[in-house]
Amino acid sequence: MTIKWLEGKIIKVMNRTYELVLILDPEVKEAEQEKLLTKIKKQITDSEGKIVETKQWGRKELAYPLAKKRAGVFYILNFGLSAERVSPLKQKIQLEDTVLRFLLVVKETPSAKATGDRGR
């Protein structure tokens, strides 16, 4: 939780937990993939976010072609970030040429599932 000053009032900004799935171009070298991941992680941490976990799923065949590619390299990032900083992050990911597709969702916490809350 972050406390901010807005129009003479103190407000609390809650960080949500997000899960980002990236499908990268399989023809790009591993060093370039790592460079892109480092760039995305830096954008998250520069936005006062916190990286929780990063997983590489590796190269997988796709059910249908994306940008004329039959395979992709999958990565999953779990991180915490305030809601107002998500939109600029998504825009920056969309501009990356090596990202074939991505999915960014709010990750539910176990206690939120029990109460019906979705990370708000």
PDB file of N, CA and C in Angstrom:
ATOM      1  N   MET A   1       0.841  -1.161   0.000  1.00  0.00           N
ATOM      2  CA  MET A   1       0.000   0.000   0.000  1.00  0.00           C
ATOM      3  C   MET A   1       0.896   1.236   0.000  1.00  0.00           C
ATOM      4  N   THR A   2       0.518   2.211  -0.810  1.00  0.00           N
ATOM      5  CA  THR A   2       1.245   3.463  -0.907  1.00  0.00           C
ATOM      6  C   THR A   2       0.324   4.590  -0.459  1.00  0.00           C
ATOM      7  N   ILE A   3       0.869   5.538   0.270  1.00  0.00           N
ATOM      8  CA  ILE A   3       0.087   6.688   0.711  1.00  0.00           C
ATOM      9  C   ILE A   3       0.516   7.884  -0.127  1.00  0.00           C
ATOM     10  N   LYS A   4      -0.477   8.579  -0.729  1.00  0.00           N
ATOM     11  CA  LYS A   4      -0.185   9.723  -1.582  1.00  0.00           C
ATOM     12  C   LYS A   4      -1.010  10.925  -1.139  1.00  0.00           C
ATOM     13  N   TRP A   5      -0.508  12.093  -1.508  1.00  0.00           N
ATOM     14  CA  TRP A   5      -1.177  13.352  -1.214  1.00  0.00           C
ATOM     15  C   TRP A   5      -1.843  13.818  -2.499  1.00  0.00           C
ATOM     16  N   LEU A   6      -3.170  13.985  -2.495  1.00  0.00           N
ATOM     17  CA  LEU A   6      -3.907  14.405  -3.680  1.00  0.00           C
ATOM     18  C   LEU A   6      -4.924  15.463  -3.300  1.00  0.00           C
ATOM     19  N   GLU A   7      -4.789  16.644  -3.864  1.00  0.00           N
ATOM     20  CA  GLU A   7      -5.720  17.753  -3.652  1.00  0.00           C
ATOM     21  C   GLU A   7      -5.989  18.005  -2.168  1.00  0.00           C
ATOM     22  N   GLY A   8      -4.915  18.062  -1.403  1.00  0.00           N
ATOM     23  CA  GLY A   8      -5.047  18.379   0.016  1.00  0.00           C
ATOM     24  C   GLY A   8      -5.518  17.224   0.878  1.00  0.00           C
ATOM     25  N   LYS A   9      -5.621  16.021   0.314  1.00  0.00           N
ATOM     26  CA  LYS A   9      -6.079  14.855   1.072  1.00  0.00           C
ATOM     27  C   LYS A   9      -5.050  13.740   0.952  1.00  0.00           C
ATOM     28  N   ILE A  10      -4.959  12.971   1.997  1.00  0.00           N
ATOM     29  CA  ILE A  10      -4.098  11.787   1.969  1.00  0.00           C
ATOM     30  C   ILE A  10      -4.955  10.616   1.509  1.00  0.00           C
ATOM     31  N   ILE A  11      -4.486   9.926   0.473  1.00  0.00           N
ATOM     32  CA  ILE A  11      -5.222   8.762  -0.023  1.00  0.00           C
ATOM     33  C   ILE A  11      -4.307   7.548  -0.001  1.00  0.00           C
ATOM     34  N   LYS A  12      -4.904   6.387   0.113  1.00  0.00           N
ATOM     35  CA  LYS A  12      -4.153   5.138   0.096  1.00  0.00           C
ATOM     36  C   LYS A  12      -4.333   4.495  -1.271  1.00  0.00           C
ATOM     37  N   VAL A  13      -3.227   4.131  -1.890  1.00  0.00           N
ATOM     38  CA  VAL A  13      -3.252   3.464  -3.180  1.00  0.00           C
ATOM     39  C   VAL A  13      -2.817   2.018  -2.957  1.00  0.00           C
ATOM     40  N   MET A  14      -3.710   1.106  -3.231  1.00  0.00           N
ATOM     41  CA  MET A  14      -3.427  -0.311  -3.013  1.00  0.00           C
ATOM     42  C   MET A  14      -2.705  -0.896  -4.224  1.00  0.00           C
ATOM     43  N   ASN A  15      -1.677  -1.649  -3.970  1.00  0.00           N
ATOM     44  CA  ASN A  15      -1.007  -2.395  -5.029  1.00  0.00           C
ATOM     45  C   ASN A  15      -1.754  -3.692  -5.252  1.00  0.00           C
ATOM     46  N   ARG A  16      -1.931  -4.026  -6.505  1.00  0.00           N
ATOM     47  CA  ARG A  16      -2.549  -5.297  -6.863  1.00  0.00           C
ATOM     48  C   ARG A  16      -1.456  -6.247  -7.332  1.00  0.00           C
ATOM     49  N   THR A  17      -1.760  -7.526  -7.291  1.00  0.00           N
ATOM     50  CA  THR A  17      -0.840  -8.528  -7.792  1.00  0.00           C
ATOM     51  C   THR A  17      -1.285  -8.904  -9.200  1.00  0.00           C
ATOM     52  N   TYR A  18      -0.339  -8.858 -10.126  1.00  0.00           N
ATOM     53  CA  TYR A  18      -0.634  -9.146 -11.525  1.00  0.00           C
ATOM     54  C   TYR A  18       0.172 -10.334 -12.009  1.00  0.00           C
ATOM     55  N   GLU A  19      -0.355 -10.983 -13.044  1.00  0.00           N
ATOM     56  CA  GLU A  19       0.360 -12.042 -13.726  1.00  0.00           C
ATOM     57  C   GLU A  19       0.455 -11.655 -15.197  1.00  0.00           C
ATOM     58  N   LEU A  20       1.668 -11.638 -15.719  1.00  0.00           N
ATOM     59  CA  LEU A  20       1.923 -11.278 -17.111  1.00  0.00           C
ATOM     60  C   LEU A  20       2.476 -12.493 -17.829  1.00  0.00           C
ATOM     61  N   VAL A  21       1.779 -12.920 -18.892  1.00  0.00           N
ATOM     62  CA  VAL A  21       2.249 -14.017 -19.726  1.00  0.00           C
ATOM     63  C   VAL A  21       2.719 -13.408 -21.044  1.00  0.00           C
ATOM     64  N   LEU A  22       3.955 -13.666 -21.403  1.00  0.00           N
ATOM     65  CA  LEU A  22       4.536 -13.154 -22.641  1.00  0.00           C
ATOM     66  C   LEU A  22       4.808 -14.310 -23.589  1.00  0.00           C
ATOM     67  N   ILE A  23       4.480 -14.123 -24.866  1.00  0.00           N
ATOM     68  CA  ILE A  23       4.879 -15.067 -25.905  1.00  0.00           C
ATOM     69  C   ILE A  23       5.824 -14.309 -26.814  1.00  0.00           C
ATOM     70  N   LEU A  24       7.084 -14.741 -26.825  1.00  0.00           N
ATOM     71  CA  LEU A  24       8.115 -14.058 -27.593  1.00  0.00           C
ATOM     72  C   LEU A  24       8.420 -14.807 -28.881  1.00  0.00           C
ATOM     73  N   ASP A  25       8.934 -14.067 -29.842  1.00  0.00           N
ATOM     74  CA  ASP A  25       9.332 -14.619 -31.130  1.00  0.00           C
ATOM     75  C   ASP A  25      10.433 -15.670 -30.909  1.00  0.00           C
ATOM     76  N   PRO A  26      10.230 -16.913 -31.392  1.00  0.00           N
ATOM     77  CA  PRO A  26      11.224 -17.965 -31.147  1.00  0.00           C
ATOM     78  C   PRO A  26      12.513 -17.786 -31.946  1.00  0.00           C
ATOM     79  N   GLU A  27      12.487 -16.941 -32.961  1.00  0.00           N
ATOM     80  CA  GLU A  27      13.676 -16.734 -33.783  1.00  0.00           C
ATOM     81  C   GLU A  27      14.650 -15.733 -33.172  1.00  0.00           C
ATOM     82  N   VAL A  28      14.222 -15.050 -32.132  1.00  0.00           N
ATOM     83  CA  VAL A  28      15.075 -14.079 -31.447  1.00  0.00           C
ATOM     84  C   VAL A  28      16.033 -14.830 -30.522  1.00  0.00           C
ATOM     85  N   LYS A  29      17.275 -14.412 -30.498  1.00  0.00           N
ATOM     86  CA  LYS A  29      18.279 -15.081 -29.667  1.00  0.00           C
ATOM     87  C   LYS A  29      17.946 -14.934 -28.187  1.00  0.00           C
ATOM     88  N   GLU A  30      18.424 -15.897 -27.405  1.00  0.00           N
ATOM     89  CA  GLU A  30      18.145 -15.917 -25.969  1.00  0.00           C
ATOM     90  C   GLU A  30      18.670 -14.667 -25.266  1.00  0.00           C
ATOM     91  N   ALA A  31      19.782 -14.137 -25.715  1.00  0.00           N
ATOM     92  CA  ALA A  31      20.333 -12.917 -25.117  1.00  0.00           C
ATOM     93  C   ALA A  31      19.387 -11.734 -25.318  1.00  0.00           C
ATOM     94  N   GLU A  32      18.760 -11.665 -26.488  1.00  0.00           N
ATOM     95  CA  GLU A  32      17.798 -10.594 -26.764  1.00  0.00           C
ATOM     96  C   GLU A  32      16.525 -10.770 -25.926  1.00  0.00           C
ATOM     97  N   GLN A  33      16.120 -12.032 -25.717  1.00  0.00           N
ATOM     98  CA  GLN A  33      14.952 -12.301 -24.871  1.00  0.00           C
ATOM     99  C   GLN A  33      15.218 -11.847 -23.444  1.00  0.00           C
ATOM    100  N   GLU A  34      16.399 -12.169 -22.933  1.00  0.00           N
ATOM    101  CA  GLU A  34      16.766 -11.763 -21.575  1.00  0.00           C
ATOM    102  C   GLU A  34      16.837 -10.235 -21.467  1.00  0.00           C
ATOM    103  N   LYS A  35      17.332  -9.596 -22.509  1.00  0.00           N
ATOM    104  CA  LYS A  35      17.411  -8.131 -22.535  1.00  0.00           C
ATOM    105  C   LYS A  35      16.004  -7.519 -22.456  1.00  0.00           C
ATOM    106  N   LEU A  36      15.055  -8.103 -23.202  1.00  0.00           N
ATOM    107  CA  LEU A  36      13.667  -7.628 -23.161  1.00  0.00           C
ATOM    108  C   LEU A  36      13.054  -7.833 -21.782  1.00  0.00           C
ATOM    109  N   LEU A  37      13.276  -9.012 -21.186  1.00  0.00           N
ATOM    110  CA  LEU A  37      12.742  -9.279 -19.849  1.00  0.00           C
ATOM    111  C   LEU A  37      13.322  -8.318 -18.817  1.00  0.00           C
ATOM    112  N   THR A  38      14.598  -8.034 -18.924  1.00  0.00           N
ATOM    113  CA  THR A  38      15.236  -7.076 -18.019  1.00  0.00           C
ATOM    114  C   THR A  38      14.615  -5.691 -18.191  1.00  0.00           C
ATOM    115  N   LYS A  39      14.333  -5.324 -19.425  1.00  0.00           N
ATOM    116  CA  LYS A  39      13.716  -4.025 -19.716  1.00  0.00           C
ATOM    117  C   LYS A  39      12.311  -3.934 -19.099  1.00  0.00           C
ATOM    118  N   ILE A  40      11.516  -4.992 -19.234  1.00  0.00           N
ATOM    119  CA  ILE A  40      10.159  -5.005 -18.669  1.00  0.00           C
ATOM    120  C   ILE A  40      10.222  -4.978 -17.145  1.00  0.00           C
ATOM    121  N   LYS A  41      11.122  -5.763 -16.562  1.00  0.00           N
ATOM    122  CA  LYS A  41      11.279  -5.760 -15.100  1.00  0.00           C
ATOM    123  C   LYS A  41      11.689  -4.388 -14.588  1.00  0.00           C
ATOM    124  N   LYS A  42      12.554  -3.713 -15.324  1.00  0.00           N
ATOM    125  CA  LYS A  42      12.993  -2.371 -14.937  1.00  0.00           C
ATOM    126  C   LYS A  42      11.822  -1.383 -14.993  1.00  0.00           C
ATOM    127  N   GLN A  43      10.978  -1.520 -16.008  1.00  0.00           N
ATOM    128  CA  GLN A  43       9.800  -0.656 -16.103  1.00  0.00           C
ATOM    129  C   GLN A  43       8.875  -0.858 -14.908  1.00  0.00           C
ATOM    130  N   ILE A  44       8.735  -2.102 -14.475  1.00  0.00           N
ATOM    131  CA  ILE A  44       7.883  -2.401 -13.322  1.00  0.00           C
ATOM    132  C   ILE A  44       8.479  -1.809 -12.051  1.00  0.00           C
ATOM    133  N   THR A  45       9.768  -2.038 -11.826  1.00  0.00           N
ATOM    134  CA  THR A  45      10.395  -1.534 -10.602  1.00  0.00           C
ATOM    135  C   THR A  45      10.509  -0.009 -10.613  1.00  0.00           C
ATOM    136  N   ASP A  46      10.709   0.595 -11.779  1.00  0.00           N
ATOM    137  CA  ASP A  46      10.738   2.058 -11.872  1.00  0.00           C
ATOM    138  C   ASP A  46       9.369   2.670 -11.574  1.00  0.00           C
ATOM    139  N   SER A  47       8.305   1.888 -11.772  1.00  0.00           N
ATOM    140  CA  SER A  47       6.945   2.338 -11.483  1.00  0.00           C
ATOM    141  C   SER A  47       6.526   1.990 -10.060  1.00  0.00           C
ATOM    142  N   GLU A  48       7.518   1.758  -9.190  1.00  0.00           N
ATOM    143  CA  GLU A  48       7.298   1.414  -7.788  1.00  0.00           C
ATOM    144  C   GLU A  48       6.621   0.059  -7.619  1.00  0.00           C
ATOM    145  N   GLY A  49       6.855  -0.833  -8.565  1.00  0.00           N
ATOM    146  CA  GLY A  49       6.316  -2.181  -8.480  1.00  0.00           C
ATOM    147  C   GLY A  49       7.337  -3.129  -7.883  1.00  0.00           C
ATOM    148  N   LYS A  50       6.896  -4.351  -7.614  1.00  0.00           N
ATOM    149  CA  LYS A  50       7.773  -5.353  -7.010  1.00  0.00           C
ATOM    150  C   LYS A  50       7.602  -6.671  -7.759  1.00  0.00           C
ATOM    151  N   ILE A  51       8.704  -7.183  -8.301  1.00  0.00           N
ATOM    152  CA  ILE A  51       8.696  -8.470  -8.999  1.00  0.00           C
ATOM    153  C   ILE A  51       8.657  -9.573  -7.947  1.00  0.00           C
ATOM    154  N   VAL A  52       7.661 -10.458  -8.055  1.00  0.00           N
ATOM    155  CA  VAL A  52       7.529 -11.558  -7.106  1.00  0.00           C
ATOM    156  C   VAL A  52       8.193 -12.816  -7.651  1.00  0.00           C
ATOM    157  N   GLU A  53       7.938 -13.114  -8.932  1.00  0.00           N
ATOM    158  CA  GLU A  53       8.441 -14.369  -9.493  1.00  0.00           C
ATOM    159  C   GLU A  53       8.527 -14.255 -11.009  1.00  0.00           C
ATOM    160  N   THR A  54       9.531 -14.912 -11.585  1.00  0.00           N
ATOM    161  CA  THR A  54       9.678 -14.993 -13.040  1.00  0.00           C
ATOM    162  C   THR A  54       9.917 -16.448 -13.405  1.00  0.00           C
ATOM    163  N   LYS A  55       9.135 -16.937 -14.373  1.00  0.00           N
ATOM    164  CA  LYS A  55       9.297 -18.321 -14.828  1.00  0.00           C
ATOM    165  C   LYS A  55       9.457 -18.340 -16.339  1.00  0.00           C
ATOM    166  N   GLN A  56      10.312 -19.219 -16.816  1.00  0.00           N
ATOM    167  CA  GLN A  56      10.428 -19.437 -18.245  1.00  0.00           C
ATOM    168  C   GLN A  56       9.805 -20.788 -18.551  1.00  0.00           C
ATOM    169  N   TRP A  57       8.776 -20.783 -19.377  1.00  0.00           N
ATOM    170  CA  TRP A  57       8.142 -22.036 -19.776  1.00  0.00           C
ATOM    171  C   TRP A  57       8.838 -22.660 -20.969  1.00  0.00           C
ATOM    172  N   GLY A  58       9.618 -21.860 -21.675  1.00  0.00           N
ATOM    173  CA  GLY A  58      10.359 -22.390 -22.808  1.00  0.00           C
ATOM    174  C   GLY A  58       9.577 -22.301 -24.110  1.00  0.00           C
ATOM    175  N   ARG A  59      10.122 -22.960 -25.110  1.00  0.00           N
ATOM    176  CA  ARG A  59       9.524 -22.934 -26.446  1.00  0.00           C
ATOM    177  C   ARG A  59       8.368 -23.923 -26.519  1.00  0.00           C
ATOM    178  N   LYS A  60       7.229 -23.449 -27.000  1.00  0.00           N
ATOM    179  CA  LYS A  60       6.026 -24.287 -27.138  1.00  0.00           C
ATOM    180  C   LYS A  60       5.433 -24.083 -28.530  1.00  0.00           C
ATOM    181  N   GLU A  61       4.851 -25.129 -29.047  1.00  0.00           N
ATOM    182  CA  GLU A  61       4.124 -25.020 -30.310  1.00  0.00           C
ATOM    183  C   GLU A  61       2.784 -24.325 -30.039  1.00  0.00           C
ATOM    184  N   LEU A  62       2.379 -23.465 -30.957  1.00  0.00           N
ATOM    185  CA  LEU A  62       1.132 -22.721 -30.804  1.00  0.00           C
ATOM    186  C   LEU A  62      -0.012 -23.455 -31.501  1.00  0.00           C
ATOM    187  N   ALA A  63      -1.222 -23.264 -31.016  1.00  0.00           N
ATOM    188  CA  ALA A  63      -2.394 -23.894 -31.616  1.00  0.00           C
ATOM    189  C   ALA A  63      -2.682 -23.308 -32.998  1.00  0.00           C
ATOM    190  N   TYR A  64      -2.348 -22.039 -33.177  1.00  0.00           N
ATOM    191  CA  TYR A  64      -2.512 -21.381 -34.469  1.00  0.00           C
ATOM    192  C   TYR A  64      -1.390 -20.343 -34.601  1.00  0.00           C
ATOM    193  N   PRO A  65      -1.047 -19.968 -35.823  1.00  0.00           N
ATOM    194  CA  PRO A  65       0.089 -19.052 -36.018  1.00  0.00           C
ATOM    195  C   PRO A  65      -0.189 -17.646 -35.479  1.00  0.00           C
ATOM    196  N   LEU A  66       0.837 -17.058 -34.884  1.00  0.00           N
ATOM    197  CA  LEU A  66       0.820 -15.657 -34.472  1.00  0.00           C
ATOM    198  C   LEU A  66       1.919 -14.968 -35.263  1.00  0.00           C
ATOM    199  N   ALA A  67       1.566 -13.959 -36.047  1.00  0.00           N
ATOM    200  CA  ALA A  67       2.534 -13.241 -36.891  1.00  0.00           C
ATOM    201  C   ALA A  67       3.341 -14.228 -37.738  1.00  0.00           C
ATOM    202  N   LYS A  68       2.649 -15.227 -38.276  1.00  0.00           N
ATOM    203  CA  LYS A  68       3.232 -16.260 -39.148  1.00  0.00           C
ATOM    204  C   LYS A  68       4.255 -17.144 -38.438  1.00  0.00           C
ATOM    205  N   LYS A  69       4.191 -17.199 -37.118  1.00  0.00           N
ATOM    206  CA  LYS A  69       5.078 -18.065 -36.327  1.00  0.00           C
ATOM    207  C   LYS A  69       4.252 -19.214 -35.766  1.00  0.00           C
ATOM    208  N   ARG A  70       4.777 -20.424 -35.856  1.00  0.00           N
ATOM    209  CA  ARG A  70       4.076 -21.614 -35.373  1.00  0.00           C
ATOM    210  C   ARG A  70       4.460 -21.982 -33.939  1.00  0.00           C
ATOM    211  N   ALA A  71       5.489 -21.301 -33.390  1.00  0.00           N
ATOM    212  CA  ALA A  71       5.947 -21.576 -32.025  1.00  0.00           C
ATOM    213  C   ALA A  71       6.238 -20.250 -31.343  1.00  0.00           C
ATOM    214  N   GLY A  72       6.378 -20.310 -30.026  1.00  0.00           N
ATOM    215  CA  GLY A  72       6.713 -19.122 -29.257  1.00  0.00           C
ATOM    216  C   GLY A  72       7.440 -19.506 -27.981  1.00  0.00           C
ATOM    217  N   VAL A  73       8.161 -18.553 -27.420  1.00  0.00           N
ATOM    218  CA  VAL A  73       8.854 -18.760 -26.152  1.00  0.00           C
ATOM    219  C   VAL A  73       8.031 -18.070 -25.066  1.00  0.00           C
ATOM    220  N   PHE A  74       7.612 -18.846 -24.069  1.00  0.00           N
ATOM    221  CA  PHE A  74       6.698 -18.355 -23.044  1.00  0.00           C
ATOM    222  C   PHE A  74       7.450 -17.964 -21.772  1.00  0.00           C
ATOM    223  N   TYR A  75       7.038 -16.836 -21.193  1.00  0.00           N
ATOM    224  CA  TYR A  75       7.533 -16.365 -19.903  1.00  0.00           C
ATOM    225  C   TYR A  75       6.344 -15.926 -19.068  1.00  0.00           C
ATOM    226  N   ILE A  76       6.442 -16.124 -17.746  1.00  0.00           N
ATOM    227  CA  ILE A  76       5.413 -15.657 -16.816  1.00  0.00           C
ATOM    228  C   ILE A  76       6.087 -14.791 -15.762  1.00  0.00           C
ATOM    229  N   LEU A  77       5.522 -13.610 -15.533  1.00  0.00           N
ATOM    230  CA  LEU A  77       6.010 -12.709 -14.489  1.00  0.00           C
ATOM    231  C   LEU A  77       4.863 -12.434 -13.527  1.00  0.00           C
ATOM    232  N   ASN A  78       5.110 -12.610 -12.246  1.00  0.00           N
ATOM    233  CA  ASN A  78       4.171 -12.217 -11.200  1.00  0.00           C
ATOM    234  C   ASN A  78       4.758 -11.010 -10.498  1.00  0.00           C
ATOM    235  N   PHE A  79       3.943  -9.956 -10.339  1.00  0.00           N
ATOM    236  CA  PHE A  79       4.459  -8.728  -9.744  1.00  0.00           C
ATOM    237  C   PHE A  79       3.326  -7.937  -9.102  1.00  0.00           C
ATOM    238  N   GLY A  80       3.708  -7.049  -8.202  1.00  0.00           N
ATOM    239  CA  GLY A  80       2.769  -6.141  -7.565  1.00  0.00           C
ATOM    240  C   GLY A  80       2.960  -4.749  -8.136  1.00  0.00           C
ATOM    241  N   LEU A  81       1.848  -4.048  -8.409  1.00  0.00           N
ATOM    242  CA  LEU A  81       1.906  -2.722  -9.011  1.00  0.00           C
ATOM    243  C   LEU A  81       0.591  -2.005  -8.747  1.00  0.00           C
ATOM    244  N   SER A  82       0.652  -0.687  -8.609  1.00  0.00           N
ATOM    245  CA  SER A  82      -0.587   0.072  -8.417  1.00  0.00           C
ATOM    246  C   SER A  82      -1.345   0.131  -9.746  1.00  0.00           C
ATOM    247  N   ALA A  83      -2.648   0.205  -9.659  1.00  0.00           N
ATOM    248  CA  ALA A  83      -3.517   0.101 -10.827  1.00  0.00           C
ATOM    249  C   ALA A  83      -3.293   1.203 -11.854  1.00  0.00           C
ATOM    250  N   GLU A  84      -2.960   2.409 -11.390  1.00  0.00           N
ATOM    251  CA  GLU A  84      -2.799   3.509 -12.350  1.00  0.00           C
ATOM    252  C   GLU A  84      -1.523   3.390 -13.178  1.00  0.00           C
ATOM    253  N   ARG A  85      -0.628   2.501 -12.815  1.00  0.00           N
ATOM    254  CA  ARG A  85       0.635   2.345 -13.544  1.00  0.00           C
ATOM    255  C   ARG A  85       0.623   1.167 -14.518  1.00  0.00           C
ATOM    256  N   VAL A  86      -0.504   0.470 -14.600  1.00  0.00           N
ATOM    257  CA  VAL A  86      -0.597  -0.705 -15.465  1.00  0.00           C
ATOM    258  C   VAL A  86      -0.729  -0.309 -16.937  1.00  0.00           C
ATOM    259  N   SER A  87      -1.530   0.692 -17.215  1.00  0.00           N
ATOM    260  CA  SER A  87      -1.779   1.101 -18.596  1.00  0.00           C
ATOM    261  C   SER A  87      -0.492   1.519 -19.327  1.00  0.00           C
ATOM    262  N   PRO A  88       0.361   2.354 -18.727  1.00  0.00           N
ATOM    263  CA  PRO A  88       1.624   2.678 -19.422  1.00  0.00           C
ATOM    264  C   PRO A  88       2.514   1.448 -19.656  1.00  0.00           C
ATOM    265  N   LEU A  89       2.498   0.508 -18.724  1.00  0.00           N
ATOM    266  CA  LEU A  89       3.280  -0.717 -18.890  1.00  0.00           C
ATOM    267  C   LEU A  89       2.764  -1.512 -20.088  1.00  0.00           C
ATOM    268  N   LYS A  90       1.448  -1.655 -20.195  1.00  0.00           N
ATOM    269  CA  LYS A  90       0.856  -2.381 -21.320  1.00  0.00           C
ATOM    270  C   LYS A  90       1.202  -1.723 -22.647  1.00  0.00           C
ATOM    271  N   GLN A  91       1.182  -0.398 -22.679  1.00  0.00           N
ATOM    272  CA  GLN A  91       1.511   0.315 -23.911  1.00  0.00           C
ATOM    273  C   GLN A  91       2.958   0.065 -24.327  1.00  0.00           C
ATOM    274  N   LYS A  92       3.860   0.033 -23.360  1.00  0.00           N
ATOM    275  CA  LYS A  92       5.268  -0.209 -23.674  1.00  0.00           C
ATOM    276  C   LYS A  92       5.490  -1.635 -24.170  1.00  0.00           C
ATOM    277  N   ILE A  93       4.770  -2.599 -23.604  1.00  0.00           N
ATOM    278  CA  ILE A  93       4.902  -3.988 -24.054  1.00  0.00           C
ATOM    279  C   ILE A  93       4.368  -4.134 -25.475  1.00  0.00           C
ATOM    280  N   GLN A  94       3.265  -3.451 -25.774  1.00  0.00           N
ATOM    281  CA  GLN A  94       2.687  -3.524 -27.124  1.00  0.00           C
ATOM    282  C   GLN A  94       3.632  -2.996 -28.195  1.00  0.00           C
ATOM    283  N   LEU A  95       4.521  -2.090 -27.837  1.00  0.00           N
ATOM    284  CA  LEU A  95       5.450  -1.516 -28.800  1.00  0.00           C
ATOM    285  C   LEU A  95       6.666  -2.398 -29.088  1.00  0.00           C
ATOM    286  N   GLU A  96       6.840  -3.444 -28.309  1.00  0.00           N
ATOM    287  CA  GLU A  96       7.983  -4.344 -28.495  1.00  0.00           C
ATOM    288  C   GLU A  96       7.730  -5.281 -29.679  1.00  0.00           C
ATOM    289  N   ASP A  97       8.673  -5.310 -30.618  1.00  0.00           N
ATOM    290  CA  ASP A  97       8.528  -6.140 -31.821  1.00  0.00           C
ATOM    291  C   ASP A  97       8.648  -7.629 -31.545  1.00  0.00           C
ATOM    292  N   THR A  98       9.434  -8.003 -30.545  1.00  0.00           N
ATOM    293  CA  THR A  98       9.675  -9.426 -30.290  1.00  0.00           C
ATOM    294  C   THR A  98       8.550 -10.089 -29.506  1.00  0.00           C
ATOM    295  N   VAL A  99       7.599  -9.316 -28.987  1.00  0.00           N
ATOM    296  CA  VAL A  99       6.458  -9.876 -28.256  1.00  0.00           C
ATOM    297  C   VAL A  99       5.363 -10.205 -29.265  1.00  0.00           C
ATOM    298  N   LEU A 100       5.074 -11.502 -29.425  1.00  0.00           N
ATOM    299  CA  LEU A 100       4.012 -11.919 -30.336  1.00  0.00           C
ATOM    300  C   LEU A 100       2.642 -11.657 -29.723  1.00  0.00           C
ATOM    301  N   ARG A 101       2.517 -11.949 -28.427  1.00  0.00           N
ATOM    302  CA  ARG A 101       1.245 -11.775 -27.720  1.00  0.00           C
ATOM    303  C   ARG A 101       1.544 -11.708 -26.241  1.00  0.00           C
ATOM    304  N   PHE A 102       0.691 -11.007 -25.485  1.00  0.00           N
ATOM    305  CA  PHE A 102       0.830 -10.989 -24.034  1.00  0.00           C
ATOM    306  C   PHE A 102      -0.545 -10.933 -23.401  1.00  0.00           C
ATOM    307  N   LEU A 103      -0.602 -11.363 -22.151  1.00  0.00           N
ATOM    308  CA  LEU A 103      -1.835 -11.325 -21.372  1.00  0.00           C
ATOM    309  C   LEU A 103      -1.473 -10.845 -19.978  1.00  0.00           C
ATOM    310  N   LEU A 104      -2.160  -9.810 -19.528  1.00  0.00           N
ATOM    311  CA  LEU A 104      -1.922  -9.241 -18.204  1.00  0.00           C
ATOM    312  C   LEU A 104      -3.227  -9.293 -17.429  1.00  0.00           C
ATOM    313  N   VAL A 105      -3.238 -10.027 -16.324  1.00  0.00           N
ATOM    314  CA  VAL A 105      -4.455 -10.180 -15.522  1.00  0.00           C
ATOM    315  C   VAL A 105      -4.154  -9.904 -14.061  1.00  0.00           C
ATOM    316  N   VAL A 106      -5.206  -9.507 -13.332  1.00  0.00           N
ATOM    317  CA  VAL A 106      -5.100  -9.344 -11.885  1.00  0.00           C
ATOM    318  C   VAL A 106      -5.143 -10.741 -11.286  1.00  0.00           C
ATOM    319  N   LYS A 107      -4.176 -11.042 -10.460  1.00  0.00           N
ATOM    320  CA  LYS A 107      -4.092 -12.364  -9.838  1.00  0.00           C
ATOM    321  C   LYS A 107      -4.845 -12.328  -8.517  1.00  0.00           C
ATOM    322  N   GLU A 108      -5.762 -13.244  -8.365  1.00  0.00           N
ATOM    323  CA  GLU A 108      -6.544 -13.307  -7.138  1.00  0.00           C
ATOM    324  C   GLU A 108      -5.721 -13.916  -6.017  1.00  0.00           C
ATOM    325  N   THR A 109      -5.903 -13.381  -4.826  1.00  0.00           N
ATOM    326  CA  THR A 109      -5.264 -13.950  -3.641  1.00  0.00           C
ATOM    327  C   THR A 109      -6.193 -15.014  -3.065  1.00  0.00           C
ATOM    328  N   PRO A 110      -5.674 -15.979  -2.314  1.00  0.00           N
ATOM    329  CA  PRO A 110      -6.536 -17.014  -1.743  1.00  0.00           C
ATOM    330  C   PRO A 110      -7.654 -16.438  -0.873  1.00  0.00           C
ATOM    331  N   SER A 111      -7.381 -15.383  -0.102  1.00  0.00           N
ATOM    332  CA  SER A 111      -8.409 -14.791   0.743  1.00  0.00           C
ATOM    333  C   SER A 111      -9.456 -14.061  -0.098  1.00  0.00           C
ATOM    334  N   ALA A 112      -9.053 -13.515  -1.244  1.00  0.00           N
ATOM    335  CA  ALA A 112      -9.991 -12.819  -2.126  1.00  0.00           C
ATOM    336  C   ALA A 112     -10.959 -13.805  -2.768  1.00  0.00           C
ATOM    337  N   LYS A 113     -10.487 -15.020  -3.058  1.00  0.00           N
ATOM    338  CA  LYS A 113     -11.375 -16.032  -3.634  1.00  0.00           C
ATOM    339  C   LYS A 113     -12.470 -16.399  -2.657  1.00  0.00           C
ATOM    340  N   ALA A 114     -12.122 -16.481  -1.374  1.00  0.00           N
ATOM    341  CA  ALA A 114     -13.102 -16.854  -0.372  1.00  0.00           C
ATOM    342  C   ALA A 114     -14.157 -15.773  -0.168  1.00  0.00           C
ATOM    343  N   THR A 115     -13.739 -14.488  -0.249  1.00  0.00           N
ATOM    344  CA  THR A 115     -14.685 -13.396  -0.020  1.00  0.00           C
ATOM    345  C   THR A 115     -15.325 -12.876  -1.291  1.00  0.00           C
ATOM    346  N   GLY A 116     -14.817 -13.312  -2.453  1.00  0.00           N
ATOM    347  CA  GLY A 116     -15.385 -12.844  -3.711  1.00  0.00           C
ATOM    348  C   GLY A 116     -14.746 -11.559  -4.206  1.00  0.00           C
ATOM    349  N   ASP A 117     -13.734 -11.051  -3.510  1.00  0.00           N
ATOM    350  CA  ASP A 117     -13.029  -9.839  -3.923  1.00  0.00           C
ATOM    351  C   ASP A 117     -11.989 -10.206  -4.962  1.00  0.00           C
ATOM    352  N   ARG A 118     -11.772  -9.315  -5.971  1.00  0.00           N
ATOM    353  CA  ARG A 118     -10.809  -9.620  -7.020  1.00  0.00           C
ATOM    354  C   ARG A 118      -9.602  -8.696  -6.943  1.00  0.00           C
ATOM    355  N   GLY A 119      -8.976  -8.598  -5.793  1.00  0.00           N
ATOM    356  CA  GLY A 119      -7.760  -7.828  -5.658  1.00  0.00           C
ATOM    357  C   GLY A 119      -7.987  -6.340  -5.495  1.00  0.00           C
ATOM    358  N   ARG A 120      -9.183  -5.912  -5.215  1.00  0.00           N
ATOM    359  CA  ARG A 120      -9.474  -4.493  -5.068  1.00  0.00           C
ATOM    360  C   ARG A 120      -9.420  -4.072  -3.642  1.00  0.00           C
TER     361      ARG A 120
END
